[in-house]
Amino acid sequence: MIEALAIRRAELADLESIRQIYNEGIADRVATLDEDPKDSAEIAEWWERHAGRYAVLVAEREGEIVGWASLNPYSHRCAYDGVADLSIYVKRSARGTRVGKPLLAALERVARENEFYKIVLFTFPFNEAGQRLYRGLGYREVGIFKEQGRLDGRPIDVMAMEKLL
């Protein structure tokens, strides 16, 4: 039986767990173009950019943070003020245990409360688990950017997805 999941706004005290989970995502090479693990100072700087509308949520199970998600600025241009970019990461040991869907659904509610009308995300075409999550909540593929970035020195394609809220 899977224990209950609690989702809440992240707090400063959560940053070490957020950092650890993100660093797992970096190491696994399936969710980000970042290649180097983040240190505490880098995560603190990232946290400073997530005030106000750009919420960070965490998912807890039995007092342990097992995932996090954030709304990120999509563009500095005012025309895109209602569009947020999405990040979501689940702890390696909690993947496949029903963390992603409720966490993403909660983030969408927060996005609506903060007057976002659209969420966009960028994923790797080979990240099948991520795409199942996104498609299951109504995100659609917009297209694939060929050789959009580099990962371990190799060109990598990036898929854009979106959802109108």
N, C-alpha and C. Protein backbone atom coordinates (compact mmCIF):
# COMPACT_ATOMS: atom_id res chain seq x y z
N MET A 1 0.84 -1.18 0.00
CA MET A 1 0.00 0.00 0.00
C MET A 1 0.89 1.25 0.00
N ILE A 2 0.54 2.19 -0.85
CA ILE A 2 1.29 3.44 -0.94
C ILE A 2 0.71 4.43 0.08
N GLU A 3 1.59 4.97 0.90
CA GLU A 3 1.17 5.93 1.92
C GLU A 3 0.68 7.22 1.28
N ALA A 4 -0.10 7.98 2.02
CA ALA A 4 -0.67 9.23 1.54
C ALA A 4 0.42 10.24 1.19
N LEU A 5 0.11 11.05 0.22
CA LEU A 5 1.02 12.07 -0.26
C LEU A 5 0.49 13.43 0.17
N ALA A 6 1.33 14.26 0.74
CA ALA A 6 0.97 15.62 1.11
C ALA A 6 1.72 16.57 0.20
N ILE A 7 1.01 17.52 -0.38
CA ILE A 7 1.63 18.49 -1.27
C ILE A 7 1.46 19.87 -0.65
N ARG A 8 2.56 20.61 -0.61
CA ARG A 8 2.54 21.94 0.01
C ARG A 8 3.56 22.84 -0.66
N ARG A 9 3.45 24.12 -0.35
CA ARG A 9 4.45 25.09 -0.81
C ARG A 9 5.79 24.76 -0.19
N ALA A 10 6.82 24.87 -0.97
CA ALA A 10 8.17 24.63 -0.45
C ALA A 10 8.59 25.75 0.49
N GLU A 11 9.47 25.40 1.39
CA GLU A 11 10.02 26.35 2.35
C GLU A 11 11.54 26.31 2.23
N LEU A 12 12.18 27.31 2.78
CA LEU A 12 13.64 27.39 2.75
C LEU A 12 14.28 26.11 3.27
N ALA A 13 13.71 25.52 4.29
CA ALA A 13 14.26 24.30 4.88
C ALA A 13 14.20 23.10 3.93
N ASP A 14 13.45 23.20 2.84
CA ASP A 14 13.30 22.10 1.89
C ASP A 14 14.38 22.10 0.81
N LEU A 15 15.20 23.14 0.78
CA LEU A 15 16.13 23.29 -0.35
C LEU A 15 17.12 22.14 -0.48
N GLU A 16 17.59 21.57 0.61
CA GLU A 16 18.54 20.47 0.51
C GLU A 16 17.88 19.26 -0.14
N SER A 17 16.64 18.96 0.21
CA SER A 17 15.93 17.84 -0.43
C SER A 17 15.69 18.14 -1.91
N ILE A 18 15.30 19.36 -2.22
CA ILE A 18 15.10 19.76 -3.62
C ILE A 18 16.40 19.58 -4.39
N ARG A 19 17.50 20.02 -3.82
CA ARG A 19 18.81 19.90 -4.46
C ARG A 19 19.16 18.43 -4.70
N GLN A 20 18.96 17.59 -3.72
CA GLN A 20 19.30 16.17 -3.87
C GLN A 20 18.47 15.52 -4.98
N ILE A 21 17.18 15.82 -5.01
CA ILE A 21 16.31 15.24 -6.03
C ILE A 21 16.70 15.75 -7.42
N TYR A 22 16.99 17.03 -7.52
CA TYR A 22 17.41 17.59 -8.82
C TYR A 22 18.72 16.95 -9.26
N ASN A 23 19.65 16.78 -8.35
CA ASN A 23 20.93 16.17 -8.70
C ASN A 23 20.76 14.72 -9.16
N GLU A 24 19.77 14.00 -8.62
CA GLU A 24 19.46 12.67 -9.15
C GLU A 24 19.02 12.77 -10.60
N GLY A 25 18.17 13.76 -10.89
CA GLY A 25 17.71 13.98 -12.26
C GLY A 25 18.86 14.31 -13.20
N ILE A 26 19.81 15.10 -12.72
CA ILE A 26 20.99 15.41 -13.53
C ILE A 26 21.78 14.13 -13.80
N ALA A 27 22.02 13.35 -12.77
CA ALA A 27 22.81 12.12 -12.91
C ALA A 27 22.15 11.11 -13.85
N ASP A 28 20.83 11.04 -13.83
CA ASP A 28 20.11 10.06 -14.63
C ASP A 28 20.05 10.40 -16.12
N ARG A 29 20.30 11.64 -16.47
CA ARG A 29 20.39 12.08 -17.87
C ARG A 29 19.11 11.85 -18.67
N VAL A 30 17.95 11.96 -18.03
CA VAL A 30 16.68 11.80 -18.76
C VAL A 30 15.75 13.00 -18.64
N ALA A 31 16.15 14.03 -17.88
CA ALA A 31 15.19 15.10 -17.61
C ALA A 31 15.74 16.52 -17.74
N THR A 32 17.03 16.69 -17.88
CA THR A 32 17.59 18.04 -17.95
C THR A 32 18.88 18.03 -18.75
N LEU A 33 19.18 19.16 -19.34
CA LEU A 33 20.45 19.32 -20.04
C LEU A 33 21.58 19.71 -19.09
N ASP A 34 21.24 20.01 -17.84
CA ASP A 34 22.29 20.26 -16.85
C ASP A 34 23.13 19.00 -16.71
N GLU A 35 24.44 19.18 -16.64
CA GLU A 35 25.33 18.04 -16.53
C GLU A 35 26.04 17.96 -15.18
N ASP A 36 26.20 19.10 -14.54
CA ASP A 36 26.95 19.13 -13.28
C ASP A 36 26.00 19.25 -12.09
N PRO A 37 26.24 18.46 -11.04
CA PRO A 37 25.40 18.55 -9.84
C PRO A 37 25.41 19.98 -9.29
N LYS A 38 24.30 20.36 -8.70
CA LYS A 38 24.16 21.70 -8.14
C LYS A 38 24.56 21.68 -6.68
N ASP A 39 25.25 22.75 -6.28
CA ASP A 39 25.61 22.88 -4.87
C ASP A 39 24.57 23.73 -4.16
N SER A 40 24.72 23.88 -2.87
CA SER A 40 23.74 24.61 -2.06
C SER A 40 23.60 26.07 -2.49
N ALA A 41 24.71 26.70 -2.86
CA ALA A 41 24.65 28.10 -3.29
C ALA A 41 23.85 28.26 -4.58
N GLU A 42 24.01 27.33 -5.51
CA GLU A 42 23.26 27.41 -6.77
C GLU A 42 21.76 27.21 -6.53
N ILE A 43 21.41 26.30 -5.65
CA ILE A 43 20.00 26.08 -5.35
C ILE A 43 19.42 27.28 -4.61
N ALA A 44 20.19 27.90 -3.74
CA ALA A 44 19.73 29.10 -3.04
C ALA A 44 19.47 30.23 -4.04
N GLU A 45 20.32 30.36 -5.03
CA GLU A 45 20.13 31.38 -6.07
C GLU A 45 18.87 31.09 -6.88
N TRP A 46 18.67 29.82 -7.23
CA TRP A 46 17.45 29.40 -7.94
C TRP A 46 16.21 29.73 -7.10
N TRP A 47 16.26 29.44 -5.82
CA TRP A 47 15.15 29.70 -4.90
C TRP A 47 14.77 31.18 -4.89
N GLU A 48 15.76 32.05 -4.92
CA GLU A 48 15.51 33.49 -4.91
C GLU A 48 14.71 33.95 -6.12
N ARG A 49 14.79 33.23 -7.21
CA ARG A 49 14.05 33.58 -8.42
C ARG A 49 12.63 33.00 -8.41
N HIS A 50 12.24 32.35 -7.33
CA HIS A 50 10.92 31.72 -7.26
C HIS A 50 10.05 32.34 -6.17
N ALA A 51 9.97 33.63 -6.21
CA ALA A 51 9.10 34.35 -5.28
C ALA A 51 7.78 34.68 -5.99
N GLY A 52 6.80 35.03 -5.22
CA GLY A 52 5.53 35.47 -5.80
C GLY A 52 4.84 34.39 -6.61
N ARG A 53 4.54 34.70 -7.85
CA ARG A 53 3.78 33.81 -8.72
C ARG A 53 4.53 32.53 -9.07
N TYR A 54 5.83 32.54 -9.00
CA TYR A 54 6.65 31.41 -9.45
C TYR A 54 6.86 30.43 -8.31
N ALA A 55 5.80 29.72 -8.01
CA ALA A 55 5.75 28.84 -6.85
C ALA A 55 6.61 27.59 -7.02
N VAL A 56 7.03 27.09 -5.88
CA VAL A 56 7.68 25.78 -5.80
C VAL A 56 6.86 24.95 -4.82
N LEU A 57 6.47 23.77 -5.25
CA LEU A 57 5.73 22.85 -4.40
C LEU A 57 6.59 21.62 -4.12
N VAL A 58 6.35 21.02 -2.97
CA VAL A 58 6.99 19.74 -2.66
C VAL A 58 5.91 18.71 -2.33
N ALA A 59 6.25 17.47 -2.61
CA ALA A 59 5.39 16.33 -2.26
C ALA A 59 6.11 15.57 -1.16
N GLU A 60 5.36 15.32 -0.07
CA GLU A 60 5.91 14.60 1.08
C GLU A 60 5.15 13.32 1.31
N ARG A 61 5.91 12.29 1.68
CA ARG A 61 5.31 11.02 2.07
C ARG A 61 6.05 10.58 3.34
N GLU A 62 5.28 10.38 4.40
CA GLU A 62 5.85 9.97 5.69
C GLU A 62 6.98 10.90 6.13
N GLY A 63 6.77 12.20 5.93
CA GLY A 63 7.73 13.20 6.38
C GLY A 63 8.94 13.38 5.49
N GLU A 64 9.00 12.65 4.39
CA GLU A 64 10.14 12.75 3.47
C GLU A 64 9.69 13.41 2.17
N ILE A 65 10.48 14.35 1.69
CA ILE A 65 10.18 14.98 0.40
C ILE A 65 10.55 14.00 -0.70
N VAL A 66 9.56 13.66 -1.53
CA VAL A 66 9.76 12.68 -2.59
C VAL A 66 9.62 13.28 -3.99
N GLY A 67 9.34 14.58 -4.05
CA GLY A 67 9.25 15.24 -5.35
C GLY A 67 9.05 16.72 -5.18
N TRP A 68 9.32 17.44 -6.24
CA TRP A 68 9.07 18.88 -6.23
C TRP A 68 8.73 19.33 -7.65
N ALA A 69 8.05 20.45 -7.71
CA ALA A 69 7.69 21.05 -9.00
C ALA A 69 7.71 22.56 -8.85
N SER A 70 8.02 23.23 -9.95
CA SER A 70 8.06 24.70 -9.89
C SER A 70 7.49 25.31 -11.16
N LEU A 71 6.95 26.50 -10.98
CA LEU A 71 6.58 27.36 -12.08
C LEU A 71 7.76 28.30 -12.29
N ASN A 72 8.19 28.42 -13.54
CA ASN A 72 9.36 29.23 -13.86
C ASN A 72 8.98 30.27 -14.91
N PRO A 73 9.66 31.40 -14.92
CA PRO A 73 9.39 32.38 -15.97
C PRO A 73 9.65 31.77 -17.35
N TYR A 74 8.75 32.03 -18.27
CA TYR A 74 8.93 31.55 -19.64
C TYR A 74 9.72 32.56 -20.46
N SER A 75 9.39 33.82 -20.28
CA SER A 75 10.03 34.88 -21.05
C SER A 75 9.99 36.16 -20.23
N HIS A 76 10.95 37.04 -20.47
CA HIS A 76 10.95 38.34 -19.81
C HIS A 76 10.00 39.32 -20.51
N ARG A 77 9.50 38.98 -21.68
CA ARG A 77 8.61 39.87 -22.42
C ARG A 77 7.21 39.87 -21.81
N CYS A 78 6.64 41.05 -21.67
CA CYS A 78 5.34 41.19 -21.01
C CYS A 78 4.22 40.46 -21.74
N ALA A 79 4.35 40.24 -23.03
CA ALA A 79 3.31 39.53 -23.79
C ALA A 79 3.12 38.10 -23.30
N TYR A 80 4.16 37.55 -22.64
CA TYR A 80 4.11 36.18 -22.15
C TYR A 80 3.91 36.10 -20.64
N ASP A 81 3.39 37.15 -20.06
CA ASP A 81 3.22 37.21 -18.61
C ASP A 81 2.31 36.10 -18.06
N GLY A 82 1.41 35.60 -18.87
CA GLY A 82 0.49 34.55 -18.42
C GLY A 82 0.95 33.15 -18.75
N VAL A 83 2.19 33.01 -19.22
CA VAL A 83 2.74 31.70 -19.59
C VAL A 83 3.85 31.35 -18.61
N ALA A 84 3.78 30.16 -18.05
CA ALA A 84 4.82 29.68 -17.14
C ALA A 84 5.48 28.46 -17.74
N ASP A 85 6.75 28.31 -17.46
CA ASP A 85 7.51 27.10 -17.77
C ASP A 85 7.41 26.19 -16.55
N LEU A 86 7.53 24.92 -16.76
CA LEU A 86 7.34 23.92 -15.70
C LEU A 86 8.60 23.11 -15.48
N SER A 87 8.90 22.84 -14.21
CA SER A 87 9.90 21.84 -13.82
C SER A 87 9.24 20.89 -12.85
N ILE A 88 9.52 19.60 -13.00
CA ILE A 88 9.02 18.61 -12.04
C ILE A 88 10.03 17.47 -11.94
N TYR A 89 10.34 17.10 -10.71
CA TYR A 89 11.32 16.04 -10.45
C TYR A 89 10.82 15.17 -9.31
N VAL A 90 10.97 13.86 -9.47
CA VAL A 90 10.57 12.90 -8.45
C VAL A 90 11.81 12.14 -8.00
N LYS A 91 11.93 11.97 -6.71
CA LYS A 91 13.05 11.23 -6.14
C LYS A 91 13.13 9.85 -6.78
N ARG A 92 14.33 9.44 -7.10
CA ARG A 92 14.55 8.17 -7.81
C ARG A 92 13.80 7.01 -7.14
N SER A 93 13.89 6.91 -5.83
CA SER A 93 13.26 5.79 -5.12
C SER A 93 11.73 5.89 -5.08
N ALA A 94 11.17 7.05 -5.45
CA ALA A 94 9.72 7.24 -5.42
C ALA A 94 9.09 7.24 -6.81
N ARG A 95 9.89 7.12 -7.83
CA ARG A 95 9.34 7.11 -9.18
C ARG A 95 8.44 5.90 -9.36
N GLY A 96 7.31 6.12 -10.01
CA GLY A 96 6.35 5.04 -10.23
C GLY A 96 5.45 4.78 -9.04
N THR A 97 5.47 5.69 -8.03
CA THR A 97 4.64 5.50 -6.83
C THR A 97 3.57 6.57 -6.69
N ARG A 98 3.13 7.10 -7.81
CA ARG A 98 2.03 8.07 -7.83
C ARG A 98 2.36 9.39 -7.13
N VAL A 99 3.50 9.94 -7.48
CA VAL A 99 3.90 11.25 -6.98
C VAL A 99 3.67 12.32 -8.04
N GLY A 100 4.05 12.04 -9.28
CA GLY A 100 4.04 13.04 -10.33
C GLY A 100 2.69 13.64 -10.64
N LYS A 101 1.67 12.80 -10.82
CA LYS A 101 0.36 13.30 -11.24
C LYS A 101 -0.27 14.24 -10.21
N PRO A 102 -0.35 13.87 -8.93
CA PRO A 102 -0.93 14.82 -7.97
C PRO A 102 -0.07 16.08 -7.79
N LEU A 103 1.23 15.94 -7.91
CA LEU A 103 2.11 17.10 -7.78
C LEU A 103 1.90 18.06 -8.93
N LEU A 104 1.83 17.54 -10.15
CA LEU A 104 1.60 18.39 -11.31
C LEU A 104 0.20 19.01 -11.29
N ALA A 105 -0.80 18.25 -10.88
CA ALA A 105 -2.16 18.79 -10.78
C ALA A 105 -2.22 19.93 -9.76
N ALA A 106 -1.52 19.78 -8.65
CA ALA A 106 -1.47 20.84 -7.64
C ALA A 106 -0.77 22.07 -8.20
N LEU A 107 0.29 21.87 -8.96
CA LEU A 107 1.01 23.01 -9.54
C LEU A 107 0.12 23.75 -10.54
N GLU A 108 -0.69 23.02 -11.28
CA GLU A 108 -1.62 23.66 -12.22
C GLU A 108 -2.63 24.52 -11.47
N ARG A 109 -3.12 24.04 -10.32
CA ARG A 109 -4.05 24.85 -9.52
C ARG A 109 -3.39 26.15 -9.07
N VAL A 110 -2.15 26.05 -8.61
CA VAL A 110 -1.41 27.22 -8.18
C VAL A 110 -1.19 28.17 -9.37
N ALA A 111 -0.92 27.61 -10.53
CA ALA A 111 -0.73 28.44 -11.73
C ALA A 111 -2.00 29.24 -12.03
N ARG A 112 -3.14 28.57 -11.98
CA ARG A 112 -4.41 29.28 -12.22
C ARG A 112 -4.64 30.38 -11.19
N GLU A 113 -4.37 30.07 -9.92
CA GLU A 113 -4.53 31.06 -8.85
C GLU A 113 -3.64 32.29 -9.08
N ASN A 114 -2.53 32.09 -9.76
CA ASN A 114 -1.59 33.17 -10.02
C ASN A 114 -1.71 33.74 -11.43
N GLU A 115 -2.87 33.51 -12.04
CA GLU A 115 -3.26 34.09 -13.32
C GLU A 115 -2.39 33.68 -14.49
N PHE A 116 -1.87 32.47 -14.44
CA PHE A 116 -1.26 31.89 -15.63
C PHE A 116 -2.36 31.22 -16.42
N TYR A 117 -2.32 31.33 -17.72
CA TYR A 117 -3.32 30.70 -18.57
C TYR A 117 -2.73 29.54 -19.38
N LYS A 118 -1.42 29.40 -19.30
CA LYS A 118 -0.77 28.36 -20.08
C LYS A 118 0.51 27.92 -19.39
N ILE A 119 0.80 26.61 -19.48
CA ILE A 119 2.07 26.06 -19.00
C ILE A 119 2.75 25.39 -20.19
N VAL A 120 4.03 25.67 -20.32
CA VAL A 120 4.85 25.00 -21.33
C VAL A 120 5.94 24.21 -20.63
N LEU A 121 6.43 23.21 -21.32
CA LEU A 121 7.53 22.43 -20.76
C LEU A 121 8.37 21.91 -21.90
N PHE A 122 9.57 21.54 -21.55
CA PHE A 122 10.51 20.99 -22.51
C PHE A 122 11.02 19.67 -21.95
N THR A 123 10.95 18.62 -22.75
CA THR A 123 11.32 17.28 -22.31
C THR A 123 12.11 16.60 -23.42
N PHE A 124 12.75 15.53 -23.08
CA PHE A 124 13.45 14.76 -24.09
C PHE A 124 12.47 13.81 -24.75
N PRO A 125 12.54 13.64 -26.07
CA PRO A 125 11.63 12.71 -26.74
C PRO A 125 11.70 11.28 -26.19
N PHE A 126 12.83 10.89 -25.60
CA PHE A 126 12.98 9.54 -25.07
C PHE A 126 12.53 9.41 -23.61
N ASN A 127 12.09 10.50 -22.99
CA ASN A 127 11.62 10.45 -21.60
C ASN A 127 10.16 10.00 -21.59
N GLU A 128 9.95 8.71 -21.77
CA GLU A 128 8.60 8.16 -21.90
C GLU A 128 7.78 8.32 -20.63
N ALA A 129 8.40 8.15 -19.47
CA ALA A 129 7.65 8.30 -18.21
C ALA A 129 7.15 9.73 -18.06
N GLY A 130 7.98 10.69 -18.37
CA GLY A 130 7.56 12.09 -18.30
C GLY A 130 6.43 12.38 -19.26
N GLN A 131 6.54 11.90 -20.47
CA GLN A 131 5.49 12.15 -21.45
C GLN A 131 4.17 11.49 -21.07
N ARG A 132 4.22 10.30 -20.45
CA ARG A 132 2.98 9.68 -19.96
C ARG A 132 2.32 10.58 -18.92
N LEU A 133 3.12 11.12 -18.02
CA LEU A 133 2.60 12.03 -17.00
C LEU A 133 1.95 13.25 -17.66
N TYR A 134 2.67 13.90 -18.53
CA TYR A 134 2.16 15.13 -19.15
C TYR A 134 0.92 14.87 -20.00
N ARG A 135 0.98 13.86 -20.83
CA ARG A 135 -0.18 13.56 -21.68
C ARG A 135 -1.39 13.15 -20.85
N GLY A 136 -1.15 12.45 -19.75
CA GLY A 136 -2.23 12.03 -18.86
C GLY A 136 -2.97 13.19 -18.23
N LEU A 137 -2.31 14.35 -18.17
CA LEU A 137 -2.96 15.55 -17.62
C LEU A 137 -3.32 16.55 -18.72
N GLY A 138 -3.29 16.12 -19.97
CA GLY A 138 -3.79 16.95 -21.05
C GLY A 138 -2.78 17.83 -21.76
N TYR A 139 -1.50 17.61 -21.56
CA TYR A 139 -0.49 18.37 -22.31
C TYR A 139 -0.39 17.78 -23.71
N ARG A 140 -0.08 18.63 -24.65
CA ARG A 140 0.06 18.18 -26.03
C ARG A 140 1.44 18.53 -26.55
N GLU A 141 1.92 17.69 -27.45
CA GLU A 141 3.20 17.94 -28.08
C GLU A 141 3.06 19.08 -29.07
N VAL A 142 3.95 20.03 -28.99
CA VAL A 142 3.98 21.15 -29.93
C VAL A 142 4.94 20.84 -31.07
N GLY A 143 6.07 20.25 -30.74
CA GLY A 143 7.06 19.91 -31.76
C GLY A 143 8.38 19.53 -31.13
N ILE A 144 9.31 19.18 -31.98
CA ILE A 144 10.63 18.77 -31.52
C ILE A 144 11.66 19.72 -32.10
N PHE A 145 12.47 20.27 -31.22
CA PHE A 145 13.62 21.07 -31.62
C PHE A 145 14.77 20.10 -31.87
N LYS A 146 15.23 20.01 -33.09
CA LYS A 146 16.34 19.12 -33.44
C LYS A 146 17.65 19.69 -32.90
N GLU A 147 18.42 18.83 -32.25
CA GLU A 147 19.73 19.20 -31.72
C GLU A 147 19.68 20.53 -30.96
N GLN A 148 18.71 20.65 -30.09
CA GLN A 148 18.47 21.89 -29.33
C GLN A 148 19.56 22.15 -28.30
N GLY A 149 20.14 21.10 -27.78
CA GLY A 149 21.16 21.27 -26.77
C GLY A 149 22.23 20.20 -26.89
N ARG A 150 23.12 20.21 -25.92
CA ARG A 150 24.18 19.22 -25.86
C ARG A 150 24.12 18.57 -24.48
N LEU A 151 24.31 17.26 -24.45
CA LEU A 151 24.38 16.51 -23.21
C LEU A 151 25.54 15.54 -23.35
N ASP A 152 26.50 15.69 -22.47
CA ASP A 152 27.72 14.87 -22.53
C ASP A 152 28.39 14.97 -23.89
N GLY A 153 28.35 16.19 -24.46
CA GLY A 153 29.04 16.43 -25.72
C GLY A 153 28.28 16.00 -26.96
N ARG A 154 27.11 15.41 -26.79
CA ARG A 154 26.32 14.94 -27.94
C ARG A 154 25.12 15.86 -28.15
N PRO A 155 24.74 16.11 -29.42
CA PRO A 155 23.53 16.89 -29.67
C PRO A 155 22.30 16.11 -29.21
N ILE A 156 21.32 16.83 -28.69
CA ILE A 156 20.12 16.16 -28.19
C ILE A 156 18.88 16.95 -28.61
N ASP A 157 17.85 16.22 -29.02
CA ASP A 157 16.57 16.83 -29.38
C ASP A 157 15.78 17.14 -28.12
N VAL A 158 14.94 18.17 -28.21
CA VAL A 158 14.09 18.57 -27.10
C VAL A 158 12.66 18.74 -27.61
N MET A 159 11.71 18.13 -26.92
CA MET A 159 10.30 18.23 -27.28
C MET A 159 9.63 19.32 -26.46
N ALA A 160 8.88 20.18 -27.15
CA ALA A 160 8.07 21.19 -26.48
C ALA A 160 6.66 20.66 -26.31
N MET A 161 6.07 20.89 -25.12
CA MET A 161 4.69 20.51 -24.84
C MET A 161 4.00 21.70 -24.18
N GLU A 162 2.68 21.72 -24.24
CA GLU A 162 1.93 22.83 -23.66
C GLU A 162 0.56 22.37 -23.17
N LYS A 163 0.01 23.19 -22.27
CA LYS A 163 -1.36 22.98 -21.82
C LYS A 163 -1.98 24.34 -21.55
N LEU A 164 -3.14 24.56 -22.13
CA LEU A 164 -3.92 25.76 -21.81
C LEU A 164 -4.72 25.46 -20.56
N LEU A 165 -4.63 26.35 -19.59
CA LEU A 165 -5.33 26.13 -18.33
C LEU A 165 -6.74 26.69 -18.40
